[in-house]
Amino acid sequence: PGNEKASFQTRDGNPEDPDAWLEGASKQRGTWWTDWAAWLGERSGDERPAPKKPGGRGFKPLDPAPGTYVMQC
């Protein structure tokens, strides 16, 4: 958001052929992220406070952050 060069394309309908979809699409200035965030917000329910510590009921952290898998090469 806020990038002057950002754009995305939209189209009514959804033809199977991607070239046909692109041919009928129109370019929109801005970003689709704001629309997507609003769409998610409508479906996600109320916000909840973040957990005070990692893990959860029956799911304890295996190792302290960042985790041993980060150190494996």
PDB file of N, CA and C in Angstrom:
ATOM      1  N   PRO A   1       0.821  -1.195   0.000  1.00  0.00           N
ATOM      2  CA  PRO A   1       0.000   0.000   0.000  1.00  0.00           C
ATOM      3  C   PRO A   1       0.865   1.259   0.000  1.00  0.00           C
ATOM      4  N   GLY A   2       0.432   2.222  -0.747  1.00  0.00           N
ATOM      5  CA  GLY A   2       1.153   3.475  -0.819  1.00  0.00           C
ATOM      6  C   GLY A   2       2.180   3.545  -1.936  1.00  0.00           C
ATOM      7  N   ASN A   3       2.396   2.457  -2.653  1.00  0.00           N
ATOM      8  CA  ASN A   3       3.361   2.448  -3.748  1.00  0.00           C
ATOM      9  C   ASN A   3       2.696   3.034  -4.991  1.00  0.00           C
ATOM     10  N   GLU A   4       3.203   4.159  -5.462  1.00  0.00           N
ATOM     11  CA  GLU A   4       2.627   4.835  -6.622  1.00  0.00           C
ATOM     12  C   GLU A   4       2.658   3.970  -7.881  1.00  0.00           C
ATOM     13  N   LYS A   5       3.612   3.057  -7.979  1.00  0.00           N
ATOM     14  CA  LYS A   5       3.756   2.224  -9.172  1.00  0.00           C
ATOM     15  C   LYS A   5       2.897   0.953  -9.126  1.00  0.00           C
ATOM     16  N   ALA A   6       2.290   0.673  -7.996  1.00  0.00           N
ATOM     17  CA  ALA A   6       1.547  -0.577  -7.830  1.00  0.00           C
ATOM     18  C   ALA A   6       0.296  -0.592  -8.704  1.00  0.00           C
ATOM     19  N   SER A   7      -0.016  -1.779  -9.218  1.00  0.00           N
ATOM     20  CA  SER A   7      -1.249  -1.971  -9.975  1.00  0.00           C
ATOM     21  C   SER A   7      -1.630  -3.448  -9.934  1.00  0.00           C
ATOM     22  N   PHE A   8      -2.870  -3.724 -10.253  1.00  0.00           N
ATOM     23  CA  PHE A   8      -3.351  -5.092 -10.345  1.00  0.00           C
ATOM     24  C   PHE A   8      -4.443  -5.125 -11.392  1.00  0.00           C
ATOM     25  N   GLN A   9      -4.862  -6.296 -11.798  1.00  0.00           N
ATOM     26  CA  GLN A   9      -5.858  -6.427 -12.849  1.00  0.00           C
ATOM     27  C   GLN A   9      -7.076  -7.168 -12.335  1.00  0.00           C
ATOM     28  N   THR A  10      -8.239  -6.757 -12.817  1.00  0.00           N
ATOM     29  CA  THR A  10      -9.495  -7.407 -12.447  1.00  0.00           C
ATOM     30  C   THR A  10     -10.297  -7.685 -13.705  1.00  0.00           C
ATOM     31  N   ARG A  11     -11.252  -8.583 -13.549  1.00  0.00           N
ATOM     32  CA  ARG A  11     -12.125  -8.922 -14.666  1.00  0.00           C
ATOM     33  C   ARG A  11     -13.385  -9.562 -14.134  1.00  0.00           C
ATOM     34  N   ASP A  12     -14.516  -9.243 -14.744  1.00  0.00           N
ATOM     35  CA  ASP A  12     -15.755  -9.953 -14.443  1.00  0.00           C
ATOM     36  C   ASP A  12     -15.703 -11.295 -15.156  1.00  0.00           C
ATOM     37  N   GLY A  13     -16.175 -12.316 -14.529  1.00  0.00           N
ATOM     38  CA  GLY A  13     -16.145 -13.646 -15.124  1.00  0.00           C
ATOM     39  C   GLY A  13     -14.778 -14.286 -14.951  1.00  0.00           C
ATOM     40  N   ASN A  14     -14.733 -15.567 -15.222  1.00  0.00           N
ATOM     41  CA  ASN A  14     -13.491 -16.303 -15.020  1.00  0.00           C
ATOM     42  C   ASN A  14     -13.334 -17.362 -16.108  1.00  0.00           C
ATOM     43  N   PRO A  15     -12.942 -16.938 -17.325  1.00  0.00           N
ATOM     44  CA  PRO A  15     -12.764 -17.935 -18.389  1.00  0.00           C
ATOM     45  C   PRO A  15     -11.633 -18.908 -18.050  1.00  0.00           C
ATOM     46  N   GLU A  16     -11.715 -20.113 -18.565  1.00  0.00           N
ATOM     47  CA  GLU A  16     -10.689 -21.126 -18.278  1.00  0.00           C
ATOM     48  C   GLU A  16      -9.333 -20.756 -18.845  1.00  0.00           C
ATOM     49  N   ASP A  17      -9.304 -20.134 -19.994  1.00  0.00           N
ATOM     50  CA  ASP A  17      -8.042 -19.795 -20.643  1.00  0.00           C
ATOM     51  C   ASP A  17      -7.449 -18.530 -20.012  1.00  0.00           C
ATOM     52  N   PRO A  18      -6.247 -18.606 -19.446  1.00  0.00           N
ATOM     53  CA  PRO A  18      -5.658 -17.436 -18.803  1.00  0.00           C
ATOM     54  C   PRO A  18      -5.424 -16.274 -19.768  1.00  0.00           C
ATOM     55  N   ASP A  19      -5.110 -16.582 -21.019  1.00  0.00           N
ATOM     56  CA  ASP A  19      -4.920 -15.502 -21.989  1.00  0.00           C
ATOM     57  C   ASP A  19      -6.237 -14.760 -22.244  1.00  0.00           C
ATOM     58  N   ALA A  20      -7.333 -15.495 -22.290  1.00  0.00           N
ATOM     59  CA  ALA A  20      -8.648 -14.866 -22.453  1.00  0.00           C
ATOM     60  C   ALA A  20      -8.979 -14.010 -21.240  1.00  0.00           C
ATOM     61  N   TRP A  21      -8.635 -14.497 -20.050  1.00  0.00           N
ATOM     62  CA  TRP A  21      -8.872 -13.709 -18.846  1.00  0.00           C
ATOM     63  C   TRP A  21      -8.091 -12.402 -18.912  1.00  0.00           C
ATOM     64  N   LEU A  22      -6.819 -12.498 -19.262  1.00  0.00           N
ATOM     65  CA  LEU A  22      -5.964 -11.317 -19.318  1.00  0.00           C
ATOM     66  C   LEU A  22      -6.431 -10.337 -20.382  1.00  0.00           C
ATOM     67  N   GLU A  23      -6.890 -10.850 -21.512  1.00  0.00           N
ATOM     68  CA  GLU A  23      -7.350  -9.991 -22.603  1.00  0.00           C
ATOM     69  C   GLU A  23      -8.547  -9.137 -22.179  1.00  0.00           C
ATOM     70  N   GLY A  24      -9.404  -9.691 -21.331  1.00  0.00           N
ATOM     71  CA  GLY A  24     -10.597  -8.961 -20.891  1.00  0.00           C
ATOM     72  C   GLY A  24     -10.425  -8.230 -19.580  1.00  0.00           C
ATOM     73  N   ALA A  25      -9.237  -8.272 -18.998  1.00  0.00           N
ATOM     74  CA  ALA A  25      -9.006  -7.654 -17.692  1.00  0.00           C
ATOM     75  C   ALA A  25      -8.730  -6.163 -17.840  1.00  0.00           C
ATOM     76  N   SER A  26      -9.004  -5.442 -16.770  1.00  0.00           N
ATOM     77  CA  SER A  26      -8.673  -4.014 -16.753  1.00  0.00           C
ATOM     78  C   SER A  26      -7.694  -3.743 -15.611  1.00  0.00           C
ATOM     79  N   LYS A  27      -6.782  -2.824 -15.860  1.00  0.00           N
ATOM     80  CA  LYS A  27      -5.736  -2.498 -14.889  1.00  0.00           C
ATOM     81  C   LYS A  27      -6.273  -1.507 -13.864  1.00  0.00           C
ATOM     82  N   GLN A  28      -6.009  -1.793 -12.610  1.00  0.00           N
ATOM     83  CA  GLN A  28      -6.420  -0.936 -11.505  1.00  0.00           C
ATOM     84  C   GLN A  28      -5.169  -0.360 -10.844  1.00  0.00           C
ATOM     85  N   ARG A  29      -5.192   0.899 -10.532  1.00  0.00           N
ATOM     86  CA  ARG A  29      -4.067   1.503  -9.814  1.00  0.00           C
ATOM     87  C   ARG A  29      -4.170   1.158  -8.340  1.00  0.00           C
ATOM     88  N   GLY A  30      -3.033   1.056  -7.692  1.00  0.00           N
ATOM     89  CA  GLY A  30      -3.014   0.756  -6.266  1.00  0.00           C
ATOM     90  C   GLY A  30      -2.677  -0.699  -6.008  1.00  0.00           C
ATOM     91  N   THR A  31      -3.163  -1.210  -4.890  1.00  0.00           N
ATOM     92  CA  THR A  31      -2.853  -2.573  -4.486  1.00  0.00           C
ATOM     93  C   THR A  31      -4.121  -3.326  -4.122  1.00  0.00           C
ATOM     94  N   TRP A  32      -4.097  -4.618  -4.362  1.00  0.00           N
ATOM     95  CA  TRP A  32      -5.230  -5.457  -3.989  1.00  0.00           C
ATOM     96  C   TRP A  32      -5.188  -5.826  -2.513  1.00  0.00           C
ATOM     97  N   TRP A  33      -4.090  -5.532  -1.850  1.00  0.00           N
ATOM     98  CA  TRP A  33      -3.947  -5.920  -0.449  1.00  0.00           C
ATOM     99  C   TRP A  33      -5.009  -5.290   0.447  1.00  0.00           C
ATOM    100  N   THR A  34      -5.378  -4.044   0.206  1.00  0.00           N
ATOM    101  CA  THR A  34      -6.387  -3.402   1.061  1.00  0.00           C
ATOM    102  C   THR A  34      -7.746  -4.080   0.896  1.00  0.00           C
ATOM    103  N   ASP A  35      -8.115  -4.440  -0.338  1.00  0.00           N
ATOM    104  CA  ASP A  35      -9.369  -5.171  -0.550  1.00  0.00           C
ATOM    105  C   ASP A  35      -9.321  -6.541   0.114  1.00  0.00           C
ATOM    106  N   TRP A  36      -8.178  -7.208  -0.018  1.00  0.00           N
ATOM    107  CA  TRP A  36      -8.022  -8.535   0.570  1.00  0.00           C
ATOM    108  C   TRP A  36      -8.085  -8.466   2.092  1.00  0.00           C
ATOM    109  N   ALA A  37      -7.455  -7.459   2.691  1.00  0.00           N
ATOM    110  CA  ALA A  37      -7.486  -7.304   4.148  1.00  0.00           C
ATOM    111  C   ALA A  37      -8.915  -7.066   4.633  1.00  0.00           C
ATOM    112  N   ALA A  38      -9.681  -6.262   3.899  1.00  0.00           N
ATOM    113  CA  ALA A  38     -11.080  -6.029   4.269  1.00  0.00           C
ATOM    114  C   ALA A  38     -11.888  -7.320   4.137  1.00  0.00           C
ATOM    115  N   TRP A  39     -11.650  -8.078   3.056  1.00  0.00           N
ATOM    116  CA  TRP A  39     -12.348  -9.343   2.844  1.00  0.00           C
ATOM    117  C   TRP A  39     -12.061 -10.307   3.990  1.00  0.00           C
ATOM    118  N   LEU A  40     -10.782 -10.395   4.382  1.00  0.00           N
ATOM    119  CA  LEU A  40     -10.426 -11.266   5.503  1.00  0.00           C
ATOM    120  C   LEU A  40     -11.075 -10.806   6.798  1.00  0.00           C
ATOM    121  N   GLY A  41     -11.075  -9.490   7.016  1.00  0.00           N
ATOM    122  CA  GLY A  41     -11.658  -8.943   8.239  1.00  0.00           C
ATOM    123  C   GLY A  41     -13.121  -9.293   8.393  1.00  0.00           C
ATOM    124  N   GLU A  42     -13.858  -9.315   7.291  1.00  0.00           N
ATOM    125  CA  GLU A  42     -15.277  -9.672   7.335  1.00  0.00           C
ATOM    126  C   GLU A  42     -15.493 -11.131   7.713  1.00  0.00           C
ATOM    127  N   ARG A  43     -14.499 -11.969   7.512  1.00  0.00           N
ATOM    128  CA  ARG A  43     -14.641 -13.405   7.721  1.00  0.00           C
ATOM    129  C   ARG A  43     -13.854 -13.942   8.909  1.00  0.00           C
ATOM    130  N   SER A  44     -13.104 -13.099   9.571  1.00  0.00           N
ATOM    131  CA  SER A  44     -12.177 -13.584  10.588  1.00  0.00           C
ATOM    132  C   SER A  44     -12.674 -13.457  12.017  1.00  0.00           C
ATOM    133  N   GLY A  45     -13.751 -12.786  12.252  1.00  0.00           N
ATOM    134  CA  GLY A  45     -14.240 -12.620  13.610  1.00  0.00           C
ATOM    135  C   GLY A  45     -13.474 -11.538  14.347  1.00  0.00           C
ATOM    136  N   ASP A  46     -13.780 -11.413  15.619  1.00  0.00           N
ATOM    137  CA  ASP A  46     -13.158 -10.378  16.427  1.00  0.00           C
ATOM    138  C   ASP A  46     -11.685 -10.671  16.673  1.00  0.00           C
ATOM    139  N   GLU A  47     -10.913  -9.601  16.842  1.00  0.00           N
ATOM    140  CA  GLU A  47      -9.503  -9.772  17.186  1.00  0.00           C
ATOM    141  C   GLU A  47      -9.400 -10.270  18.616  1.00  0.00           C
ATOM    142  N   ARG A  48      -8.357 -11.052  18.866  1.00  0.00           N
ATOM    143  CA  ARG A  48      -8.100 -11.567  20.208  1.00  0.00           C
ATOM    144  C   ARG A  48      -6.717 -11.123  20.627  1.00  0.00           C
ATOM    145  N   PRO A  49      -6.478 -10.995  21.915  1.00  0.00           N
ATOM    146  CA  PRO A  49      -5.135 -10.629  22.349  1.00  0.00           C
ATOM    147  C   PRO A  49      -4.137 -11.739  21.998  1.00  0.00           C
ATOM    148  N   ALA A  50      -2.922 -11.342  21.725  1.00  0.00           N
ATOM    149  CA  ALA A  50      -1.871 -12.317  21.415  1.00  0.00           C
ATOM    150  C   ALA A  50      -1.558 -13.149  22.659  1.00  0.00           C
ATOM    151  N   PRO A  51      -1.164 -14.402  22.469  1.00  0.00           N
ATOM    152  CA  PRO A  51      -0.785 -15.224  23.623  1.00  0.00           C
ATOM    153  C   PRO A  51       0.397 -14.600  24.358  1.00  0.00           C
ATOM    154  N   LYS A  52       0.410 -14.762  25.664  1.00  0.00           N
ATOM    155  CA  LYS A  52       1.503 -14.205  26.467  1.00  0.00           C
ATOM    156  C   LYS A  52       2.790 -15.017  26.321  1.00  0.00           C
ATOM    157  N   LYS A  53       2.655 -16.303  25.970  1.00  0.00           N
ATOM    158  CA  LYS A  53       3.836 -17.137  25.755  1.00  0.00           C
ATOM    159  C   LYS A  53       3.556 -18.128  24.629  1.00  0.00           C
ATOM    160  N   PRO A  54       4.612 -18.650  24.000  1.00  0.00           N
ATOM    161  CA  PRO A  54       4.420 -19.577  22.883  1.00  0.00           C
ATOM    162  C   PRO A  54       3.775 -20.888  23.323  1.00  0.00           C
ATOM    163  N   GLY A  55       3.240 -21.606  22.363  1.00  0.00           N
ATOM    164  CA  GLY A  55       2.605 -22.892  22.648  1.00  0.00           C
ATOM    165  C   GLY A  55       1.138 -22.687  22.974  1.00  0.00           C
ATOM    166  N   GLY A  56       0.523 -23.708  23.450  1.00  0.00           N
ATOM    167  CA  GLY A  56      -0.880 -23.648  23.809  1.00  0.00           C
ATOM    168  C   GLY A  56      -1.257 -24.899  24.573  1.00  0.00           C
ATOM    169  N   ARG A  57      -2.541 -25.008  24.886  1.00  0.00           N
ATOM    170  CA  ARG A  57      -3.021 -26.154  25.632  1.00  0.00           C
ATOM    171  C   ARG A  57      -2.656 -27.446  24.904  1.00  0.00           C
ATOM    172  N   GLY A  58      -1.771 -28.243  25.467  1.00  0.00           N
ATOM    173  CA  GLY A  58      -1.361 -29.488  24.856  1.00  0.00           C
ATOM    174  C   GLY A  58      -0.272 -29.340  23.806  1.00  0.00           C
ATOM    175  N   PHE A  59       0.194 -28.118  23.560  1.00  0.00           N
ATOM    176  CA  PHE A  59       1.224 -27.874  22.550  1.00  0.00           C
ATOM    177  C   PHE A  59       2.315 -26.989  23.130  1.00  0.00           C
ATOM    178  N   LYS A  60       3.294 -27.617  23.758  1.00  0.00           N
ATOM    179  CA  LYS A  60       4.389 -26.854  24.341  1.00  0.00           C
ATOM    180  C   LYS A  60       5.456 -26.599  23.275  1.00  0.00           C
ATOM    181  N   PRO A  61       6.162 -25.460  23.353  1.00  0.00           N
ATOM    182  CA  PRO A  61       7.248 -25.203  22.401  1.00  0.00           C
ATOM    183  C   PRO A  61       8.317 -26.283  22.526  1.00  0.00           C
ATOM    184  N   LEU A  62       8.876 -26.714  21.404  1.00  0.00           N
ATOM    185  CA  LEU A  62       9.913 -27.737  21.426  1.00  0.00           C
ATOM    186  C   LEU A  62      11.255 -27.158  21.871  1.00  0.00           C
ATOM    187  N   ASP A  63      11.569 -25.957  21.405  1.00  0.00           N
ATOM    188  CA  ASP A  63      12.833 -25.300  21.706  1.00  0.00           C
ATOM    189  C   ASP A  63      12.600 -23.794  21.770  1.00  0.00           C
ATOM    190  N   PRO A  64      13.525 -23.064  22.414  1.00  0.00           N
ATOM    191  CA  PRO A  64      13.390 -21.612  22.408  1.00  0.00           C
ATOM    192  C   PRO A  64      13.595 -21.059  20.984  1.00  0.00           C
ATOM    193  N   ALA A  65      13.043 -19.895  20.731  1.00  0.00           N
ATOM    194  CA  ALA A  65      13.175 -19.259  19.420  1.00  0.00           C
ATOM    195  C   ALA A  65      14.638 -18.998  19.125  1.00  0.00           C
ATOM    196  N   PRO A  66      15.071 -19.104  17.907  1.00  0.00           N
ATOM    197  CA  PRO A  66      14.303 -19.319  16.686  1.00  0.00           C
ATOM    198  C   PRO A  66      14.028 -20.782  16.396  1.00  0.00           C
ATOM    199  N   GLY A  67      14.401 -21.707  17.257  1.00  0.00           N
ATOM    200  CA  GLY A  67      14.171 -23.124  17.024  1.00  0.00           C
ATOM    201  C   GLY A  67      15.412 -23.792  16.452  1.00  0.00           C
ATOM    202  N   THR A  68      15.561 -25.060  16.744  1.00  0.00           N
ATOM    203  CA  THR A  68      16.765 -25.765  16.289  1.00  0.00           C
ATOM    204  C   THR A  68      16.804 -25.949  14.785  1.00  0.00           C
ATOM    205  N   TYR A  69      15.624 -26.009  14.120  1.00  0.00           N
ATOM    206  CA  TYR A  69      15.625 -26.225  12.677  1.00  0.00           C
ATOM    207  C   TYR A  69      16.300 -25.066  11.936  1.00  0.00           C
ATOM    208  N   VAL A  70      16.313 -23.876  12.516  1.00  0.00           N
ATOM    209  CA  VAL A  70      16.952 -22.730  11.874  1.00  0.00           C
ATOM    210  C   VAL A  70      18.465 -22.924  11.819  1.00  0.00           C
ATOM    211  N   MET A  71      18.998 -23.603  12.818  1.00  0.00           N
ATOM    212  CA  MET A  71      20.431 -23.782  12.911  1.00  0.00           C
ATOM    213  C   MET A  71      20.943 -24.969  12.082  1.00  0.00           C
ATOM    214  N   GLN A  72      20.014 -25.819  11.606  1.00  0.00           N
ATOM    215  CA  GLN A  72      20.427 -26.986  10.822  1.00  0.00           C
ATOM    216  C   GLN A  72      20.816 -26.562   9.418  1.00  0.00           C
ATOM    217  N   CYS A  73      21.897 -27.112   8.895  1.00  0.00           N
ATOM    218  CA  CYS A  73      22.336 -26.780   7.546  1.00  0.00           C
ATOM    219  C   CYS A  73      22.353 -28.003   6.672  1.00  0.00           C
TER     220      CYS A  73
END
